[in-house]
C-alpha atoms as a PDB file:
ATOM      1  CA  MET A   1     102.432 106.884 106.106  1.00  0.00           C
ATOM      2  CA  GLN A   2      99.164 108.380 107.304  1.00  0.00           C
ATOM      3  CA  LEU A   3      98.728 108.821 111.055  1.00  0.00           C
ATOM      4  CA  GLY A   4      95.243 108.564 112.519  1.00  0.00           C
ATOM      5  CA  VAL A   5      93.512 107.679 115.773  1.00  0.00           C
ATOM      6  CA  PHE A   6      90.847 105.381 117.098  1.00  0.00           C
ATOM      7  CA  ILE A   7      88.506 105.917 120.016  1.00  0.00           C
ATOM      8  CA  PHE A   8      85.600 104.106 121.621  1.00  0.00           C
ATOM      9  CA  SER A   9      83.202 106.993 121.027  1.00  0.00           C
ATOM     10  CA  THR A  10      80.682 106.930 123.867  1.00  0.00           C
ATOM     11  CA  ASP A  11      77.891 108.912 125.481  1.00  0.00           C
ATOM     12  CA  TYR A  12      80.339 110.281 128.062  1.00  0.00           C
ATOM     13  CA  SER A  13      83.497 110.960 126.006  1.00  0.00           C
ATOM     14  CA  ILE A  14      84.465 113.961 123.871  1.00  0.00           C
ATOM     15  CA  ASP A  15      81.881 114.898 121.246  1.00  0.00           C
ATOM     16  CA  ILE A  16      82.934 113.127 118.067  1.00  0.00           C
ATOM     17  CA  SER A  17      82.283 116.182 115.878  1.00  0.00           C
ATOM     18  CA  GLU A  18      84.619 118.288 118.016  1.00  0.00           C
ATOM     19  CA  LEU A  19      87.199 115.503 117.999  1.00  0.00           C
ATOM     20  CA  ALA A  20      87.030 115.198 114.212  1.00  0.00           C
ATOM     21  CA  VAL A  21      87.612 118.936 113.733  1.00  0.00           C
ATOM     22  CA  ALA A  22      90.504 118.878 116.216  1.00  0.00           C
ATOM     23  CA  LEU A  23      92.109 115.986 114.320  1.00  0.00           C
ATOM     24  CA  GLU A  24      91.772 117.666 110.950  1.00  0.00           C
ATOM     25  CA  ASP A  25      93.098 120.977 112.312  1.00  0.00           C
ATOM     26  CA  ARG A  26      96.206 119.230 113.655  1.00  0.00           C
ATOM     27  CA  GLY A  27      96.871 117.314 110.455  1.00  0.00           C
ATOM     28  CA  PHE A  28      95.799 113.802 111.425  1.00  0.00           C
ATOM     29  CA  GLY A  29      94.526 111.764 108.512  1.00  0.00           C
ATOM     30  CA  SER A  30      91.809 109.517 109.896  1.00  0.00           C
ATOM     31  CA  LEU A  31      89.424 108.695 112.731  1.00  0.00           C
ATOM     32  CA  PHE A  32      88.309 105.128 113.399  1.00  0.00           C
ATOM     33  CA  VAL A  33      85.740 103.830 115.890  1.00  0.00           C
ATOM     34  CA  PRO A  34      85.060 100.271 117.127  1.00  0.00           C
ATOM     35  CA  GLU A  35      81.643  98.633 117.379  1.00  0.00           C
ATOM     36  CA  HIS A  36      79.678  96.700 119.971  1.00  0.00           C
ATOM     37  CA  THR A  37      75.916  96.626 119.530  1.00  0.00           C
ATOM     38  CA  HIS A  38      75.475  95.617 123.180  1.00  0.00           C
ATOM     39  CA  ILE A  39      77.206  93.585 125.904  1.00  0.00           C
ATOM     40  CA  PRO A  40      75.290  90.618 127.353  1.00  0.00           C
ATOM     41  CA  THR A  41      75.223  90.729 131.156  1.00  0.00           C
ATOM     42  CA  SER A  42      75.959  86.996 131.307  1.00  0.00           C
ATOM     43  CA  ARG A  43      79.648  87.700 130.556  1.00  0.00           C
ATOM     44  CA  LYS A  44      80.182  84.071 129.577  1.00  0.00           C
ATOM     45  CA  THR A  45      82.853  85.276 127.166  1.00  0.00           C
ATOM     46  CA  PRO A  46      85.887  86.485 129.146  1.00  0.00           C
ATOM     47  CA  PHE A  47      87.717  89.658 128.204  1.00  0.00           C
ATOM     48  CA  ARG A  48      91.455  89.595 127.477  1.00  0.00           C
ATOM     49  CA  ARG A  49      93.282  87.542 130.133  1.00  0.00           C
ATOM     50  CA  ASP A  50      90.093  87.553 132.210  1.00  0.00           C
ATOM     51  CA  ARG A  51      90.437  91.284 132.842  1.00  0.00           C
ATOM     52  CA  GLU A  52      87.318  93.232 133.720  1.00  0.00           C
ATOM     53  CA  LEU A  53      85.573  94.513 130.602  1.00  0.00           C
ATOM     54  CA  PRO A  54      86.267  98.256 130.252  1.00  0.00           C
ATOM     55  CA  LYS A  55      83.283 100.562 130.671  1.00  0.00           C
ATOM     56  CA  GLU A  56      83.501 101.961 127.135  1.00  0.00           C
ATOM     57  CA  TYR A  57      82.604  98.597 125.570  1.00  0.00           C
ATOM     58  CA  LYS A  58      79.086  98.974 126.975  1.00  0.00           C
ATOM     59  CA  HIS A  59      78.659 102.610 125.903  1.00  0.00           C
ATOM     60  CA  THR A  60      79.736 102.804 122.255  1.00  0.00           C
ATOM     61  CA  TYR A  61      77.685 104.768 119.756  1.00  0.00           C
ATOM     62  CA  ASP A  62      76.596 103.091 116.568  1.00  0.00           C
ATOM     63  CA  PRO A  63      79.671 103.536 114.359  1.00  0.00           C
ATOM     64  CA  PHE A  64      77.857 104.692 111.230  1.00  0.00           C
ATOM     65  CA  VAL A  65      75.862 107.324 113.104  1.00  0.00           C
ATOM     66  CA  ALA A  66      78.940 108.580 114.977  1.00  0.00           C
ATOM     67  CA  LEU A  67      81.119 108.692 111.863  1.00  0.00           C
ATOM     68  CA  SER A  68      78.414 110.562 109.973  1.00  0.00           C
ATOM     69  CA  PHE A  69      78.711 113.384 112.513  1.00  0.00           C
ATOM     70  CA  ALA A  70      82.518 113.276 112.218  1.00  0.00           C
ATOM     71  CA  ALA A  71      82.386 113.395 108.430  1.00  0.00           C
ATOM     72  CA  ALA A  72      79.848 116.222 108.391  1.00  0.00           C
ATOM     73  CA  ALA A  73      82.120 118.366 110.577  1.00  0.00           C
ATOM     74  CA  THR A  74      85.219 117.915 108.396  1.00  0.00           C
ATOM     75  CA  LYS A  75      86.375 118.164 104.788  1.00  0.00           C
ATOM     76  CA  THR A  76      89.384 115.859 104.364  1.00  0.00           C
ATOM     77  CA  LEU A  77      89.491 113.549 107.390  1.00  0.00           C
ATOM     78  CA  GLN A  78      88.978 109.877 106.549  1.00  0.00           C
ATOM     79  CA  VAL A  79      86.505 108.043 108.775  1.00  0.00           C
ATOM     80  CA  GLY A  80      86.531 104.323 109.384  1.00  0.00           C
ATOM     81  CA  THR A  81      85.165 101.430 111.393  1.00  0.00           C
ATOM     82  CA  GLY A  82      87.751  99.693 113.477  1.00  0.00           C
ATOM     83  CA  ILE A  83      86.168  97.222 113.519  1.00  0.00           C
ATOM     84  CA  CYS A  84      82.619  96.686 112.262  1.00  0.00           C
ATOM     85  CA  LEU A  85      81.286  93.323 113.459  1.00  0.00           C
ATOM     86  CA  VAL A  86      80.063  92.171 110.074  1.00  0.00           C
ATOM     87  CA  PRO A  87      78.726  88.711 111.114  1.00  0.00           C
ATOM     88  CA  GLN A  88      76.346  90.454 113.525  1.00  0.00           C
ATOM     89  CA  ARG A  89      74.860  92.718 110.831  1.00  0.00           C
ATOM     90  CA  ASP A  90      72.380  92.231 108.021  1.00  0.00           C
ATOM     91  CA  PRO A  91      74.438  92.541 104.817  1.00  0.00           C
ATOM     92  CA  ILE A  92      71.790  94.421 102.815  1.00  0.00           C
ATOM     93  CA  VAL A  93      71.289  97.031 105.541  1.00  0.00           C
ATOM     94  CA  THR A  94      75.033  97.313 106.167  1.00  0.00           C
ATOM     95  CA  ALA A  95      75.757  97.740 102.456  1.00  0.00           C
ATOM     96  CA  LYS A  96      73.390 100.716 102.418  1.00  0.00           C
ATOM     97  CA  CYS A  97      75.009 102.188 105.562  1.00  0.00           C
ATOM     98  CA  VAL A  98      78.456 101.922 103.987  1.00  0.00           C
ATOM     99  CA  ALA A  99      77.382 103.351 100.639  1.00  0.00           C
ATOM    100  CA  SER A 100      75.415 106.173 102.268  1.00  0.00           C
ATOM    101  CA  LEU A 101      78.297 107.230 104.518  1.00  0.00           C
ATOM    102  CA  ASP A 102      80.810 107.000 101.684  1.00  0.00           C
ATOM    103  CA  ARG A 103      78.604 109.125  99.450  1.00  0.00           C
ATOM    104  CA  LEU A 104      77.750 111.730 102.084  1.00  0.00           C
ATOM    105  CA  SER A 105      81.434 112.027 103.071  1.00  0.00           C
ATOM    106  CA  ASP A 106      82.490 112.336  99.419  1.00  0.00           C
ATOM    107  CA  GLY A 107      84.451 109.102  99.439  1.00  0.00           C
ATOM    108  CA  ARG A 108      86.201 109.316 102.804  1.00  0.00           C
ATOM    109  CA  PHE A 109      85.027 106.040 104.378  1.00  0.00           C
ATOM    110  CA  VAL A 110      87.245 103.023 105.184  1.00  0.00           C
ATOM    111  CA  PHE A 111      85.413  99.805 106.048  1.00  0.00           C
ATOM    112  CA  GLY A 112      87.401  98.036 108.765  1.00  0.00           C
ATOM    113  CA  ILE A 113      85.828  94.675 109.582  1.00  0.00           C
ATOM    114  CA  GLY A 114      86.284  91.643 111.813  1.00  0.00           C
ATOM    115  CA  GLY A 115      84.666  88.462 113.024  1.00  0.00           C
ATOM    116  CA  GLY A 116      84.274  89.435 116.662  1.00  0.00           C
ATOM    117  CA  TRP A 117      85.262  87.735 119.922  1.00  0.00           C
ATOM    118  CA  ASN A 118      82.202  87.996 122.173  1.00  0.00           C
ATOM    119  CA  VAL A 119      80.305  84.734 121.763  1.00  0.00           C
ATOM    120  CA  ASP A 120      77.298  85.895 123.779  1.00  0.00           C
ATOM    121  CA  GLU A 121      76.963  89.069 121.733  1.00  0.00           C
ATOM    122  CA  MET A 122      77.077  87.385 118.337  1.00  0.00           C
ATOM    123  CA  GLU A 123      74.685  84.630 119.391  1.00  0.00           C
ATOM    124  CA  ASN A 124      72.111  87.312 120.264  1.00  0.00           C
ATOM    125  CA  HIS A 125      72.288  88.251 116.570  1.00  0.00           C
ATOM    126  CA  GLY A 126      71.904  84.660 115.391  1.00  0.00           C
ATOM    127  CA  ALA A 127      75.588  84.241 114.462  1.00  0.00           C
ATOM    128  CA  GLN A 128      77.752  81.379 115.666  1.00  0.00           C
ATOM    129  CA  TYR A 129      81.377  81.652 116.761  1.00  0.00           C
ATOM    130  CA  LYS A 130      82.532  78.601 114.776  1.00  0.00           C
ATOM    131  CA  THR A 131      81.107  79.858 111.493  1.00  0.00           C
ATOM    132  CA  ARG A 132      81.544  83.617 111.952  1.00  0.00           C
ATOM    133  CA  PHE A 133      84.266  83.973 109.323  1.00  0.00           C
ATOM    134  CA  LYS A 134      82.347  81.921 106.790  1.00  0.00           C
ATOM    135  CA  LEU A 135      79.403  84.255 107.414  1.00  0.00           C
ATOM    136  CA  LEU A 136      81.677  87.318 107.233  1.00  0.00           C
ATOM    137  CA  ARG A 137      83.015  86.216 103.845  1.00  0.00           C
ATOM    138  CA  GLU A 138      79.544  85.781 102.360  1.00  0.00           C
ATOM    139  CA  HIS A 139      78.398  89.102 103.817  1.00  0.00           C
ATOM    140  CA  VAL A 140      81.361  90.904 102.235  1.00  0.00           C
ATOM    141  CA  LEU A 141      80.862  89.241  98.852  1.00  0.00           C
ATOM    142  CA  ALA A 142      77.134  90.016  98.943  1.00  0.00           C
ATOM    143  CA  MET A 143      77.812  93.653  99.851  1.00  0.00           C
ATOM    144  CA  LYS A 144      80.295  93.974  97.004  1.00  0.00           C
ATOM    145  CA  ALA A 145      77.575  92.844  94.630  1.00  0.00           C
ATOM    146  CA  LEU A 146      75.164  95.411  96.089  1.00  0.00           C
ATOM    147  CA  TRP A 147      77.743  98.204  95.758  1.00  0.00           C
ATOM    148  CA  THR A 148      78.826  97.435  92.204  1.00  0.00           C
ATOM    149  CA  GLU A 149      75.918  95.849  90.320  1.00  0.00           C
ATOM    150  CA  GLU A 150      72.780  97.564  89.048  1.00  0.00           C
ATOM    151  CA  GLU A 151      70.687  94.479  89.756  1.00  0.00           C
ATOM    152  CA  ALA A 152      72.538  92.573  92.436  1.00  0.00           C
ATOM    153  CA  ALA A 153      71.933  88.983  93.430  1.00  0.00           C
ATOM    154  CA  PHE A 154      73.799  86.627  95.717  1.00  0.00           C
ATOM    155  CA  HIS A 155      73.369  82.908  96.281  1.00  0.00           C
ATOM    156  CA  GLY A 156      75.561  81.526  99.031  1.00  0.00           C
ATOM    157  CA  GLU A 157      75.150  78.959 101.746  1.00  0.00           C
ATOM    158  CA  MET A 158      74.435  81.541 104.447  1.00  0.00           C
ATOM    159  CA  VAL A 159      73.322  84.587 102.424  1.00  0.00           C
ATOM    160  CA  ASP A 160      70.837  84.271  99.604  1.00  0.00           C
ATOM    161  CA  PHE A 161      68.792  86.817  97.665  1.00  0.00           C
ATOM    162  CA  ASP A 162      67.491  87.245  94.122  1.00  0.00           C
ATOM    163  CA  PRO A 163      68.157  90.396  92.026  1.00  0.00           C
ATOM    164  CA  VAL A 164      67.548  93.669  93.873  1.00  0.00           C
ATOM    165  CA  TRP A 165      68.113  97.387  93.362  1.00  0.00           C
ATOM    166  CA  SER A 166      70.264  98.929  96.054  1.00  0.00           C
ATOM    167  CA  TYR A 167      71.153 102.622  96.028  1.00  0.00           C
ATOM    168  CA  PRO A 168      73.018 104.839  96.591  1.00  0.00           C
ATOM    169  CA  LYS A 169      76.220 103.409  95.203  1.00  0.00           C
ATOM    170  CA  PRO A 170      79.466 104.404  96.939  1.00  0.00           C
ATOM    171  CA  VAL A 171      81.584 107.270  95.616  1.00  0.00           C
ATOM    172  CA  GLN A 172      84.762 105.209  95.788  1.00  0.00           C
ATOM    173  CA  VAL A 173      85.168 102.817  92.891  1.00  0.00           C
ATOM    174  CA  PRO A 174      84.524  99.964  92.982  1.00  0.00           C
ATOM    175  CA  HIS A 175      83.672 100.491  96.682  1.00  0.00           C
ATOM    176  CA  PRO A 176      85.235 101.744  99.926  1.00  0.00           C
ATOM    177  CA  PRO A 177      88.327  99.766 100.929  1.00  0.00           C
ATOM    178  CA  VAL A 178      87.515  96.694 103.001  1.00  0.00           C
ATOM    179  CA  ILE A 179      90.268  96.002 105.544  1.00  0.00           C
ATOM    180  CA  LEU A 180      90.202  92.900 107.739  1.00  0.00           C
ATOM    181  CA  GLY A 181      91.433  92.715 111.329  1.00  0.00           C
ATOM    182  CA  GLY A 182      93.467  89.849 112.724  1.00  0.00           C
ATOM    183  CA  GLU A 183      97.004  88.482 112.752  1.00  0.00           C
ATOM    184  CA  THR A 184      96.802  84.800 111.769  1.00  0.00           C
ATOM    185  CA  ASP A 185      97.680  83.182 108.458  1.00  0.00           C
ATOM    186  CA  TYR A 186      93.959  82.501 108.056  1.00  0.00           C
ATOM    187  CA  THR A 187      93.387  86.255 108.246  1.00  0.00           C
ATOM    188  CA  LEU A 188      96.027  86.895 105.593  1.00  0.00           C
ATOM    189  CA  ASN A 189      94.431  84.360 103.262  1.00  0.00           C
ATOM    190  CA  ARG A 190      91.063  86.073 103.696  1.00  0.00           C
ATOM    191  CA  VAL A 191      92.631  89.467 103.054  1.00  0.00           C
ATOM    192  CA  ILE A 192      94.148  88.206  99.824  1.00  0.00           C
ATOM    193  CA  GLU A 193      90.919  86.524  98.702  1.00  0.00           C
ATOM    194  CA  PHE A 194      88.238  89.163  99.267  1.00  0.00           C
ATOM    195  CA  CYS A 195      89.594  92.283 100.995  1.00  0.00           C
ATOM    196  CA  ASP A 196      91.559  95.394 100.095  1.00  0.00           C
ATOM    197  CA  GLY A 197      93.777  95.613 103.141  1.00  0.00           C
ATOM    198  CA  TRP A 198      95.056  94.107 106.364  1.00  0.00           C
ATOM    199  CA  PHE A 199      94.276  95.545 109.817  1.00  0.00           C
ATOM    200  CA  PRO A 200      96.609  93.926 112.397  1.00  0.00           C
ATOM    201  CA  ARG A 201      97.084  95.020 116.002  1.00  0.00           C
ATOM    202  CA  ALA A 202     100.423  96.386 117.154  1.00  0.00           C
ATOM    203  CA  SER A 203      99.747  94.968 120.602  1.00  0.00           C
ATOM    204  CA  HIS A 204     100.095  91.432 119.231  1.00  0.00           C
ATOM    205  CA  GLY A 205     103.840  91.437 118.552  1.00  0.00           C
ATOM    206  CA  PHE A 206     103.670  93.352 115.281  1.00  0.00           C
ATOM    207  CA  ASP A 207     107.029  93.486 113.510  1.00  0.00           C
ATOM    208  CA  PRO A 208     106.594  95.654 110.396  1.00  0.00           C
ATOM    209  CA  ALA A 209     109.205  94.038 108.158  1.00  0.00           C
ATOM    210  CA  GLU A 210     108.210  90.494 109.103  1.00  0.00           C
ATOM    211  CA  CYS A 211     104.502  91.157 108.710  1.00  0.00           C
ATOM    212  CA  MET A 212     104.906  92.849 105.349  1.00  0.00           C
ATOM    213  CA  THR A 213     106.899  89.814 104.208  1.00  0.00           C
ATOM    214  CA  ARG A 214     104.105  87.519 105.377  1.00  0.00           C
ATOM    215  CA  LEU A 215     101.546  89.563 103.463  1.00  0.00           C
ATOM    216  CA  ARG A 216     103.729  89.683 100.351  1.00  0.00           C
ATOM    217  CA  ASN A 217     104.268  85.911 100.430  1.00  0.00           C
ATOM    218  CA  ALA A 218     100.535  85.296 100.786  1.00  0.00           C
ATOM    219  CA  ALA A 219      99.831  87.617  97.868  1.00  0.00           C
ATOM    220  CA  ASP A 220     102.531  86.083  95.679  1.00  0.00           C
ATOM    221  CA  ALA A 221     101.176  82.587  96.342  1.00  0.00           C
ATOM    222  CA  VAL A 222      97.957  83.416  94.475  1.00  0.00           C
ATOM    223  CA  GLY A 223      99.192  86.135  92.134  1.00  0.00           C
ATOM    224  CA  ARG A 224      97.629  89.066  94.018  1.00  0.00           C
ATOM    225  CA  ASP A 225      99.252  92.421  93.276  1.00  0.00           C
ATOM    226  CA  MET A 226     100.652  93.897  96.525  1.00  0.00           C
ATOM    227  CA  SER A 227      99.962  97.401  95.221  1.00  0.00           C
ATOM    228  CA  THR A 228      96.235  96.690  95.607  1.00  0.00           C
ATOM    229  CA  LEU A 229      96.616  96.034  99.344  1.00  0.00           C
ATOM    230  CA  SER A 230      96.920  98.460 102.253  1.00  0.00           C
ATOM    231  CA  VAL A 231      98.095  97.831 105.814  1.00  0.00           C
ATOM    232  CA  THR A 232      96.634  99.729 108.772  1.00  0.00           C
ATOM    233  CA  VAL A 233      98.144  99.071 112.204  1.00  0.00           C
ATOM    234  CA  PHE A 234      95.679  99.281 115.092  1.00  0.00           C
ATOM    235  CA  ARG A 235      96.938 100.672 118.428  1.00  0.00           C
ATOM    236  CA  ALA A 236     100.222 101.837 116.950  1.00  0.00           C
ATOM    237  CA  PRO A 237     102.636 103.093 119.624  1.00  0.00           C
ATOM    238  CA  ALA A 238     103.178 106.825 120.062  1.00  0.00           C
ATOM    239  CA  ASP A 239     106.875 106.380 119.334  1.00  0.00           C
ATOM    240  CA  LYS A 240     108.477 108.300 116.462  1.00  0.00           C
ATOM    241  CA  ALA A 241     111.194 105.706 115.837  1.00  0.00           C
ATOM    242  CA  VAL A 242     108.684 102.854 115.691  1.00  0.00           C
ATOM    243  CA  LEU A 243     106.351 104.816 113.424  1.00  0.00           C
ATOM    244  CA  ASP A 244     109.283 105.621 111.129  1.00  0.00           C
ATOM    245  CA  SER A 245     110.008 101.888 110.920  1.00  0.00           C
ATOM    246  CA  TYR A 246     106.389 101.313 109.923  1.00  0.00           C
ATOM    247  CA  ALA A 247     106.694 103.872 107.141  1.00  0.00           C
ATOM    248  CA  GLU A 248     109.968 102.377 105.953  1.00  0.00           C
ATOM    249  CA  ALA A 249     108.377  98.927 105.767  1.00  0.00           C
ATOM    250  CA  GLY A 250     105.525 100.249 103.612  1.00  0.00           C
ATOM    251  CA  ILE A 251     102.719 100.456 106.181  1.00  0.00           C
ATOM    252  CA  THR A 252      99.842 102.587 104.900  1.00  0.00           C
ATOM    253  CA  ARG A 253      98.391 103.903 108.138  1.00  0.00           C
ATOM    254  CA  GLY A 254      99.006 103.820 111.876  1.00  0.00           C
ATOM    255  CA  LEU A 255      96.206 104.368 114.398  1.00  0.00           C
ATOM    256  CA  LEU A 256      97.039 105.804 117.803  1.00  0.00           C
ATOM    257  CA  GLU A 257      94.729 105.087 120.734  1.00  0.00           C
ATOM    258  CA  LEU A 258      92.619 107.761 122.394  1.00  0.00           C
ATOM    259  CA  PRO A 259      90.860 107.155 125.724  1.00  0.00           C
ATOM    260  CA  SER A 260      87.093 107.413 126.059  1.00  0.00           C
ATOM    261  CA  ALA A 261      87.511 110.573 128.078  1.00  0.00           C
ATOM    262  CA  GLY A 262      86.306 114.155 128.169  1.00  0.00           C
ATOM    263  CA  ARG A 263      87.412 116.888 125.788  1.00  0.00           C
ATOM    264  CA  ASP A 264      90.178 118.375 127.932  1.00  0.00           C
ATOM    265  CA  GLU A 265      92.007 115.085 128.422  1.00  0.00           C
ATOM    266  CA  VAL A 266      91.611 114.006 124.810  1.00  0.00           C
ATOM    267  CA  LEU A 267      92.664 117.352 123.316  1.00  0.00           C
ATOM    268  CA  ARG A 268      95.744 117.469 125.562  1.00  0.00           C
ATOM    269  CA  LEU A 269      96.713 114.008 124.322  1.00  0.00           C
ATOM    270  CA  LEU A 270      96.216 115.074 120.702  1.00  0.00           C
ATOM    271  CA  ASP A 271      98.639 117.939 121.320  1.00  0.00           C
ATOM    272  CA  ASP A 272     101.104 115.407 122.744  1.00  0.00           C
ATOM    273  CA  TYR A 273     100.681 113.248 119.634  1.00  0.00           C
ATOM    274  CA  ALA A 274     100.961 116.139 117.165  1.00  0.00           C
ATOM    275  CA  PRO A 275     104.822 116.150 116.971  1.00  0.00           C
ATOM    276  CA  LEU A 276     104.637 112.591 115.632  1.00  0.00           C
ATOM    277  CA  LEU A 277     103.147 114.012 112.432  1.00  0.00           C
ATOM    278  CA  SER A 278     106.370 115.778 111.436  1.00  0.00           C
END
């Protein structure tokens, strides 16, 4: 099982290029970053359990720009979005961002996606909470066409365009892996239908054996080959025994959390995490 990290990369935390090099030097396999384009000051959408929204949510870099710096500073480290808020993005522009980053990183990009939780934020982009997953599905299918077809067209209910040329194409064939966040059965059905992997959170009662069984049952129900699916666990615990149980269950990747802090604090924590790699 690959061990990686995620961080809300911000304008006040460790430089992402330095972090990427430090990860690669220590043997970590991947670096993921979340996305928030902005945070409406209305705060009509409460944070988890009505907690105060952490500062880093308001200070995140654009994920594609940040990951480009991380990829440019490294040779083998995978870079990924965790998660990209696909319903809030134009699919044609996002398809080009994904393909460009995958090509410039020589095929090291992982496209983690989700529907989002902040109603105010998505409404500023013209998306609606009730239909966000319907929009996400059409965006993903449209982007797949743009990545794989020489003259791509898409005609859906929410996304519609006639044949276009869209280059560059990604290095990874047919495209970078698309992994979907969430824990519900609805999420699993979406993973099986149009994604390449599942991206659940460990903080939501993740039991590796049970969850792999759920995924396998969902795949078997429609004849999807489990070997075509990956599982990345977000906010995996820094516990060797738990991580070993993930590996035994067949989990592909675990992502440890890093704080949005300065270099000294983050690098010390990486050194604390390093024994988990053995």
